[in-house]
Amino acid sequence: MADDLPKVAIWDPDEMSILVARGAATGELLREVEAILTVDLGAPATSDDRFVCFCGALVELPGEVTPLVAADVSRGPV
C-alpha cells in the first residue's frame, strides 16, 4: 500500500471515491491519487498526465480540480 505518503488523498471503497484534504498542494495530490490507483488498486501506470482506473477506464477529476491539475502539469512533471 502507499502508506509512506502524507494522506492528502484517501481511498474510500464504500463510496468508490477518493477523499481529498482541503488546501492540499496539487503536486502532492496528484502523486497520492496516482499511488492509490496504481499501488493500492492495481491500475496500469500511464506515461502522460491522465489517470486510469484498474478497469482501464479514464478517471475523470471533479470540475473544480481540473484547472489546478492543468496549471500544475504545465509547470513540469510531478
PDB file of N, CA and C in Angstrom:
ATOM      1  N   MET A   1       0.836  -1.184   0.000  1.00  0.00           N
ATOM      2  CA  MET A   1       0.000   0.000   0.000  1.00  0.00           C
ATOM      3  C   MET A   1       0.878   1.243   0.000  1.00  0.00           C
ATOM      4  N   ALA A   2       0.287   2.353  -0.375  1.00  0.00           N
ATOM      5  CA  ALA A   2       1.011   3.621  -0.451  1.00  0.00           C
ATOM      6  C   ALA A   2       1.023   4.293   0.919  1.00  0.00           C
ATOM      7  N   ASP A   3       1.516   3.582   1.924  1.00  0.00           N
ATOM      8  CA  ASP A   3       1.475   4.068   3.308  1.00  0.00           C
ATOM      9  C   ASP A   3       2.479   5.159   3.621  1.00  0.00           C
ATOM     10  N   ASP A   4       3.495   5.323   2.780  1.00  0.00           N
ATOM     11  CA  ASP A   4       4.526   6.309   3.085  1.00  0.00           C
ATOM     12  C   ASP A   4       4.152   7.727   2.656  1.00  0.00           C
ATOM     13  N   LEU A   5       2.960   7.914   2.101  1.00  0.00           N
ATOM     14  CA  LEU A   5       2.515   9.235   1.666  1.00  0.00           C
ATOM     15  C   LEU A   5       1.783   9.943   2.808  1.00  0.00           C
ATOM     16  N   PRO A   6       1.681  11.290   2.779  1.00  0.00           N
ATOM     17  CA  PRO A   6       1.136  12.044   3.915  1.00  0.00           C
ATOM     18  C   PRO A   6      -0.390  12.032   4.061  1.00  0.00           C
ATOM     19  N   LYS A   7      -1.101  11.228   3.320  1.00  0.00           N
ATOM     20  CA  LYS A   7      -2.566  11.088   3.443  1.00  0.00           C
ATOM     21  C   LYS A   7      -3.346  12.334   3.046  1.00  0.00           C
ATOM     22  N   VAL A   8      -2.944  12.947   1.934  1.00  0.00           N
ATOM     23  CA  VAL A   8      -3.702  14.061   1.381  1.00  0.00           C
ATOM     24  C   VAL A   8      -4.943  13.502   0.675  1.00  0.00           C
ATOM     25  N   ALA A   9      -4.784  12.329   0.063  1.00  0.00           N
ATOM     26  CA  ALA A   9      -5.886  11.661  -0.622  1.00  0.00           C
ATOM     27  C   ALA A   9      -6.089  10.297   0.023  1.00  0.00           C
ATOM     28  N   ILE A  10      -7.352   9.930   0.273  1.00  0.00           N
ATOM     29  CA  ILE A  10      -7.674   8.667   0.939  1.00  0.00           C
ATOM     30  C   ILE A  10      -8.745   7.936   0.129  1.00  0.00           C
ATOM     31  N   TRP A  11      -8.481   6.680  -0.208  1.00  0.00           N
ATOM     32  CA  TRP A  11      -9.431   5.846  -0.947  1.00  0.00           C
ATOM     33  C   TRP A  11     -10.552   5.428  -0.015  1.00  0.00           C
ATOM     34  N   ASP A  12     -11.800   5.640  -0.448  1.00  0.00           N
ATOM     35  CA  ASP A  12     -12.975   5.224   0.315  1.00  0.00           C
ATOM     36  C   ASP A  12     -13.697   4.160  -0.495  1.00  0.00           C
ATOM     37  N   PRO A  13     -13.451   2.870  -0.215  1.00  0.00           N
ATOM     38  CA  PRO A  13     -14.039   1.803  -1.023  1.00  0.00           C
ATOM     39  C   PRO A  13     -15.561   1.725  -0.937  1.00  0.00           C
ATOM     40  N   ASP A  14     -16.137   2.189   0.167  1.00  0.00           N
ATOM     41  CA  ASP A  14     -17.594   2.153   0.291  1.00  0.00           C
ATOM     42  C   ASP A  14     -18.270   3.118  -0.676  1.00  0.00           C
ATOM     43  N   GLU A  15     -17.645   4.230  -0.958  1.00  0.00           N
ATOM     44  CA  GLU A  15     -18.215   5.234  -1.850  1.00  0.00           C
ATOM     45  C   GLU A  15     -17.606   5.191  -3.248  1.00  0.00           C
ATOM     46  N   MET A  16     -16.599   4.322  -3.451  1.00  0.00           N
ATOM     47  CA  MET A  16     -15.878   4.253  -4.729  1.00  0.00           C
ATOM     48  C   MET A  16     -15.359   5.638  -5.109  1.00  0.00           C
ATOM     49  N   SER A  17     -14.724   6.281  -4.124  1.00  0.00           N
ATOM     50  CA  SER A  17     -14.212   7.631  -4.348  1.00  0.00           C
ATOM     51  C   SER A  17     -12.918   7.825  -3.577  1.00  0.00           C
ATOM     52  N   ILE A  18     -12.235   8.916  -3.894  1.00  0.00           N
ATOM     53  CA  ILE A  18     -11.025   9.301  -3.174  1.00  0.00           C
ATOM     54  C   ILE A  18     -11.314  10.639  -2.517  1.00  0.00           C
ATOM     55  N   LEU A  19     -11.172  10.681  -1.201  1.00  0.00           N
ATOM     56  CA  LEU A  19     -11.414  11.909  -0.445  1.00  0.00           C
ATOM     57  C   LEU A  19     -10.127  12.721  -0.409  1.00  0.00           C
ATOM     58  N   VAL A  20     -10.238  14.028  -0.610  1.00  0.00           N
ATOM     59  CA  VAL A  20      -9.062  14.896  -0.679  1.00  0.00           C
ATOM     60  C   VAL A  20      -9.141  15.961   0.406  1.00  0.00           C
ATOM     61  N   ALA A  21      -8.031  16.146   1.129  1.00  0.00           N
ATOM     62  CA  ALA A  21      -7.961  17.167   2.177  1.00  0.00           C
ATOM     63  C   ALA A  21      -7.978  18.556   1.545  1.00  0.00           C
ATOM     64  N   ARG A  22      -8.725  19.466   2.135  1.00  0.00           N
ATOM     65  CA  ARG A  22      -8.754  20.849   1.641  1.00  0.00           C
ATOM     66  C   ARG A  22      -7.388  21.486   1.790  1.00  0.00           C
ATOM     67  N   GLY A  23      -7.042  22.327   0.821  1.00  0.00           N
ATOM     68  CA  GLY A  23      -5.795  23.066   0.892  1.00  0.00           C
ATOM     69  C   GLY A  23      -4.562  22.245   0.539  1.00  0.00           C
ATOM     70  N   ALA A  24      -4.774  21.040   0.060  1.00  0.00           N
ATOM     71  CA  ALA A  24      -3.640  20.183  -0.298  1.00  0.00           C
ATOM     72  C   ALA A  24      -2.914  20.744  -1.515  1.00  0.00           C
ATOM     73  N   ALA A  25      -1.597  20.623  -1.507  1.00  0.00           N
ATOM     74  CA  ALA A  25      -0.812  21.049  -2.669  1.00  0.00           C
ATOM     75  C   ALA A  25      -1.138  20.132  -3.839  1.00  0.00           C
ATOM     76  N   THR A  26      -1.316  20.718  -5.017  1.00  0.00           N
ATOM     77  CA  THR A  26      -1.728  19.947  -6.185  1.00  0.00           C
ATOM     78  C   THR A  26      -0.737  18.846  -6.528  1.00  0.00           C
ATOM     79  N   GLY A  27       0.547  19.129  -6.443  1.00  0.00           N
ATOM     80  CA  GLY A  27       1.553  18.114  -6.754  1.00  0.00           C
ATOM     81  C   GLY A  27       1.446  16.905  -5.840  1.00  0.00           C
ATOM     82  N   GLU A  28       1.271  17.152  -4.534  1.00  0.00           N
ATOM     83  CA  GLU A  28       1.100  16.054  -3.575  1.00  0.00           C
ATOM     84  C   GLU A  28      -0.155  15.264  -3.881  1.00  0.00           C
ATOM     85  N   LEU A  29      -1.234  15.989  -4.185  1.00  0.00           N
ATOM     86  CA  LEU A  29      -2.499  15.337  -4.504  1.00  0.00           C
ATOM     87  C   LEU A  29      -2.340  14.408  -5.708  1.00  0.00           C
ATOM     88  N   LEU A  30      -1.694  14.896  -6.761  1.00  0.00           N
ATOM     89  CA  LEU A  30      -1.520  14.087  -7.962  1.00  0.00           C
ATOM     90  C   LEU A  30      -0.706  12.830  -7.667  1.00  0.00           C
ATOM     91  N   ARG A  31       0.351  12.961  -6.899  1.00  0.00           N
ATOM     92  CA  ARG A  31       1.183  11.799  -6.545  1.00  0.00           C
ATOM     93  C   ARG A  31       0.382  10.784  -5.735  1.00  0.00           C
ATOM     94  N   GLU A  32      -0.412  11.267  -4.790  1.00  0.00           N
ATOM     95  CA  GLU A  32      -1.180  10.350  -3.946  1.00  0.00           C
ATOM     96  C   GLU A  32      -2.295   9.662  -4.722  1.00  0.00           C
ATOM     97  N   VAL A  33      -2.999  10.404  -5.570  1.00  0.00           N
ATOM     98  CA  VAL A  33      -4.054   9.789  -6.375  1.00  0.00           C
ATOM     99  C   VAL A  33      -3.446   8.730  -7.294  1.00  0.00           C
ATOM    100  N   GLU A  34      -2.320   9.058  -7.919  1.00  0.00           N
ATOM    101  CA  GLU A  34      -1.649   8.078  -8.779  1.00  0.00           C
ATOM    102  C   GLU A  34      -1.235   6.841  -7.983  1.00  0.00           C
ATOM    103  N   ALA A  35      -0.705   7.036  -6.775  1.00  0.00           N
ATOM    104  CA  ALA A  35      -0.289   5.912  -5.941  1.00  0.00           C
ATOM    105  C   ALA A  35      -1.485   5.059  -5.528  1.00  0.00           C
ATOM    106  N   ILE A  36      -2.577   5.683  -5.160  1.00  0.00           N
ATOM    107  CA  ILE A  36      -3.779   4.933  -4.790  1.00  0.00           C
ATOM    108  C   ILE A  36      -4.240   4.086  -5.970  1.00  0.00           C
ATOM    109  N   LEU A  37      -4.301   4.702  -7.159  1.00  0.00           N
ATOM    110  CA  LEU A  37      -4.774   3.976  -8.335  1.00  0.00           C
ATOM    111  C   LEU A  37      -3.834   2.843  -8.731  1.00  0.00           C
ATOM    112  N   THR A  38      -2.533   3.104  -8.768  1.00  0.00           N
ATOM    113  CA  THR A  38      -1.598   2.102  -9.279  1.00  0.00           C
ATOM    114  C   THR A  38      -1.150   1.101  -8.216  1.00  0.00           C
ATOM    115  N   VAL A  39      -0.793   1.571  -7.030  1.00  0.00           N
ATOM    116  CA  VAL A  39      -0.261   0.677  -5.993  1.00  0.00           C
ATOM    117  C   VAL A  39      -1.388  -0.061  -5.276  1.00  0.00           C
ATOM    118  N   ASP A  40      -2.352   0.693  -4.744  1.00  0.00           N
ATOM    119  CA  ASP A  40      -3.405   0.070  -3.946  1.00  0.00           C
ATOM    120  C   ASP A  40      -4.453  -0.655  -4.783  1.00  0.00           C
ATOM    121  N   LEU A  41      -4.807  -0.088  -5.937  1.00  0.00           N
ATOM    122  CA  LEU A  41      -5.895  -0.659  -6.736  1.00  0.00           C
ATOM    123  C   LEU A  41      -5.429  -1.418  -7.977  1.00  0.00           C
ATOM    124  N   GLY A  42      -4.143  -1.362  -8.291  1.00  0.00           N
ATOM    125  CA  GLY A  42      -3.614  -2.146  -9.406  1.00  0.00           C
ATOM    126  C   GLY A  42      -3.871  -1.592 -10.789  1.00  0.00           C
ATOM    127  N   ALA A  43      -4.132  -0.297 -10.892  1.00  0.00           N
ATOM    128  CA  ALA A  43      -4.338   0.323 -12.208  1.00  0.00           C
ATOM    129  C   ALA A  43      -3.012   0.393 -12.958  1.00  0.00           C
ATOM    130  N   PRO A  44      -3.049   0.337 -14.292  1.00  0.00           N
ATOM    131  CA  PRO A  44      -1.801   0.463 -15.044  1.00  0.00           C
ATOM    132  C   PRO A  44      -1.262   1.896 -14.947  1.00  0.00           C
ATOM    133  N   ALA A  45       0.058   2.022 -14.871  1.00  0.00           N
ATOM    134  CA  ALA A  45       0.682   3.346 -14.849  1.00  0.00           C
ATOM    135  C   ALA A  45       0.629   3.929 -16.258  1.00  0.00           C
ATOM    136  N   THR A  46       0.454   5.242 -16.353  1.00  0.00           N
ATOM    137  CA  THR A  46       0.420   5.907 -17.654  1.00  0.00           C
ATOM    138  C   THR A  46       1.642   6.799 -17.788  1.00  0.00           C
ATOM    139  N   SER A  47       1.999   7.099 -19.023  1.00  0.00           N
ATOM    140  CA  SER A  47       3.168   7.946 -19.256  1.00  0.00           C
ATOM    141  C   SER A  47       2.791   9.407 -19.455  1.00  0.00           C
ATOM    142  N   ASP A  48       1.509   9.728 -19.360  1.00  0.00           N
ATOM    143  CA  ASP A  48       1.079  11.123 -19.512  1.00  0.00           C
ATOM    144  C   ASP A  48       0.408  11.583 -18.222  1.00  0.00           C
ATOM    145  N   ASP A  49      -0.344  12.675 -18.281  1.00  0.00           N
ATOM    146  CA  ASP A  49      -0.944  13.244 -17.076  1.00  0.00           C
ATOM    147  C   ASP A  49      -2.348  12.725 -16.786  1.00  0.00           C
ATOM    148  N   ARG A  50      -2.772  11.671 -17.482  1.00  0.00           N
ATOM    149  CA  ARG A  50      -4.107  11.123 -17.242  1.00  0.00           C
ATOM    150  C   ARG A  50      -4.048  10.023 -16.190  1.00  0.00           C
ATOM    151  N   PHE A  51      -5.156   9.839 -15.494  1.00  0.00           N
ATOM    152  CA  PHE A  51      -5.286   8.742 -14.537  1.00  0.00           C
ATOM    153  C   PHE A  51      -6.166   7.673 -15.147  1.00  0.00           C
ATOM    154  N   VAL A  52      -5.809   6.419 -14.909  1.00  0.00           N
ATOM    155  CA  VAL A  52      -6.570   5.293 -15.447  1.00  0.00           C
ATOM    156  C   VAL A  52      -7.022   4.422 -14.283  1.00  0.00           C
ATOM    157  N   CYS A  53      -8.265   3.984 -14.337  1.00  0.00           N
ATOM    158  CA  CYS A  53      -8.831   3.094 -13.332  1.00  0.00           C
ATOM    159  C   CYS A  53      -8.245   1.698 -13.510  1.00  0.00           C
ATOM    160  N   PHE A  54      -8.358   0.860 -12.485  1.00  0.00           N
ATOM    161  CA  PHE A  54      -7.881  -0.516 -12.595  1.00  0.00           C
ATOM    162  C   PHE A  54      -8.641  -1.290 -13.661  1.00  0.00           C
ATOM    163  N   CYS A  55      -9.836  -0.808 -14.052  1.00  0.00           N
ATOM    164  CA  CYS A  55     -10.612  -1.460 -15.105  1.00  0.00           C
ATOM    165  C   CYS A  55     -10.197  -0.974 -16.493  1.00  0.00           C
ATOM    166  N   GLY A  56      -9.312   0.022 -16.566  1.00  0.00           N
ATOM    167  CA  GLY A  56      -8.824   0.545 -17.838  1.00  0.00           C
ATOM    168  C   GLY A  56      -9.495   1.835 -18.290  1.00  0.00           C
ATOM    169  N   ALA A  57     -10.584   2.221 -17.632  1.00  0.00           N
ATOM    170  CA  ALA A  57     -11.289   3.454 -17.995  1.00  0.00           C
ATOM    171  C   ALA A  57     -10.531   4.675 -17.484  1.00  0.00           C
ATOM    172  N   LEU A  58     -10.650   5.782 -18.205  1.00  0.00           N
ATOM    173  CA  LEU A  58     -10.050   7.035 -17.739  1.00  0.00           C
ATOM    174  C   LEU A  58     -10.781   7.523 -16.500  1.00  0.00           C
ATOM    175  N   VAL A  59     -10.030   8.043 -15.542  1.00  0.00           N
ATOM    176  CA  VAL A  59     -10.604   8.596 -14.319  1.00  0.00           C
ATOM    177  C   VAL A  59     -10.831  10.082 -14.550  1.00  0.00           C
ATOM    178  N   GLU A  60     -12.061  10.520 -14.344  1.00  0.00           N
ATOM    179  CA  GLU A  60     -12.388  11.939 -14.502  1.00  0.00           C
ATOM    180  C   GLU A  60     -12.271  12.634 -13.159  1.00  0.00           C
ATOM    181  N   LEU A  61     -11.540  13.727 -13.152  1.00  0.00           N
ATOM    182  CA  LEU A  61     -11.423  14.525 -11.937  1.00  0.00           C
ATOM    183  C   LEU A  61     -12.587  15.495 -11.850  1.00  0.00           C
ATOM    184  N   PRO A  62     -13.005  15.876 -10.638  1.00  0.00           N
ATOM    185  CA  PRO A  62     -14.083  16.854 -10.498  1.00  0.00           C
ATOM    186  C   PRO A  62     -13.719  18.171 -11.179  1.00  0.00           C
ATOM    187  N   GLY A  63     -14.706  18.888 -11.659  1.00  0.00           N
ATOM    188  CA  GLY A  63     -14.509  20.133 -12.391  1.00  0.00           C
ATOM    189  C   GLY A  63     -13.663  21.158 -11.661  1.00  0.00           C
ATOM    190  N   GLU A  64     -13.802  21.251 -10.335  1.00  0.00           N
ATOM    191  CA  GLU A  64     -13.041  22.250  -9.592  1.00  0.00           C
ATOM    192  C   GLU A  64     -11.567  21.875  -9.447  1.00  0.00           C
ATOM    193  N   VAL A  65     -11.212  20.617  -9.669  1.00  0.00           N
ATOM    194  CA  VAL A  65      -9.822  20.180  -9.555  1.00  0.00           C
ATOM    195  C   VAL A  65      -9.098  20.273 -10.898  1.00  0.00           C
ATOM    196  N   THR A  66      -9.808  20.133 -11.995  1.00  0.00           N
ATOM    197  CA  THR A  66      -9.199  20.090 -13.324  1.00  0.00           C
ATOM    198  C   THR A  66      -8.325  21.305 -13.624  1.00  0.00           C
ATOM    199  N   PRO A  67      -8.752  22.561 -13.367  1.00  0.00           N
ATOM    200  CA  PRO A  67      -7.871  23.705 -13.637  1.00  0.00           C
ATOM    201  C   PRO A  67      -6.597  23.682 -12.790  1.00  0.00           C
ATOM    202  N   LEU A  68      -6.678  23.205 -11.560  1.00  0.00           N
ATOM    203  CA  LEU A  68      -5.498  23.119 -10.701  1.00  0.00           C
ATOM    204  C   LEU A  68      -4.496  22.116 -11.255  1.00  0.00           C
ATOM    205  N   VAL A  69      -5.005  20.996 -11.736  1.00  0.00           N
ATOM    206  CA  VAL A  69      -4.138  19.959 -12.307  1.00  0.00           C
ATOM    207  C   VAL A  69      -3.491  20.474 -13.582  1.00  0.00           C
ATOM    208  N   ALA A  70      -4.267  21.136 -14.439  1.00  0.00           N
ATOM    209  CA  ALA A  70      -3.726  21.667 -15.698  1.00  0.00           C
ATOM    210  C   ALA A  70      -2.615  22.677 -15.409  1.00  0.00           C
ATOM    211  N   ALA A  71      -2.811  23.537 -14.423  1.00  0.00           N
ATOM    212  CA  ALA A  71      -1.789  24.540 -14.076  1.00  0.00           C
ATOM    213  C   ALA A  71      -0.554  23.853 -13.513  1.00  0.00           C
ATOM    214  N   ASP A  72      -0.745  22.830 -12.693  1.00  0.00           N
ATOM    215  CA  ASP A  72       0.384  22.133 -12.097  1.00  0.00           C
ATOM    216  C   ASP A  72       1.169  21.343 -13.155  1.00  0.00           C
ATOM    217  N   VAL A  73       0.472  20.696 -14.066  1.00  0.00           N
ATOM    218  CA  VAL A  73       1.122  19.906 -15.121  1.00  0.00           C
ATOM    219  C   VAL A  73       1.913  20.822 -16.050  1.00  0.00           C
ATOM    220  N   SER A  74       1.423  22.036 -16.288  1.00  0.00           N
ATOM    221  CA  SER A  74       2.134  22.947 -17.182  1.00  0.00           C
ATOM    222  C   SER A  74       3.468  23.404 -16.598  1.00  0.00           C
ATOM    223  N   ARG A  75       3.632  23.251 -15.275  1.00  0.00           N
ATOM    224  CA  ARG A  75       4.896  23.621 -14.619  1.00  0.00           C
ATOM    225  C   ARG A  75       5.954  22.529 -14.724  1.00  0.00           C
ATOM    226  N   GLY A  76       5.569  21.359 -15.148  1.00  0.00           N
ATOM    227  CA  GLY A  76       6.543  20.277 -15.278  1.00  0.00           C
ATOM    228  C   GLY A  76       6.054  19.020 -14.579  1.00  0.00           C
ATOM    229  N   PRO A  77       6.829  17.940 -14.689  1.00  0.00           N
ATOM    230  CA  PRO A  77       6.408  16.659 -14.101  1.00  0.00           C
ATOM    231  C   PRO A  77       6.341  16.715 -12.587  1.00  0.00           C
ATOM    232  N   VAL A  78       5.422  15.898 -12.041  1.00  0.00           N
ATOM    233  CA  VAL A  78       5.269  15.805 -10.584  1.00  0.00           C
ATOM    234  C   VAL A  78       6.136  14.706 -10.033  1.00  0.00           C
TER     235      VAL A  78
END
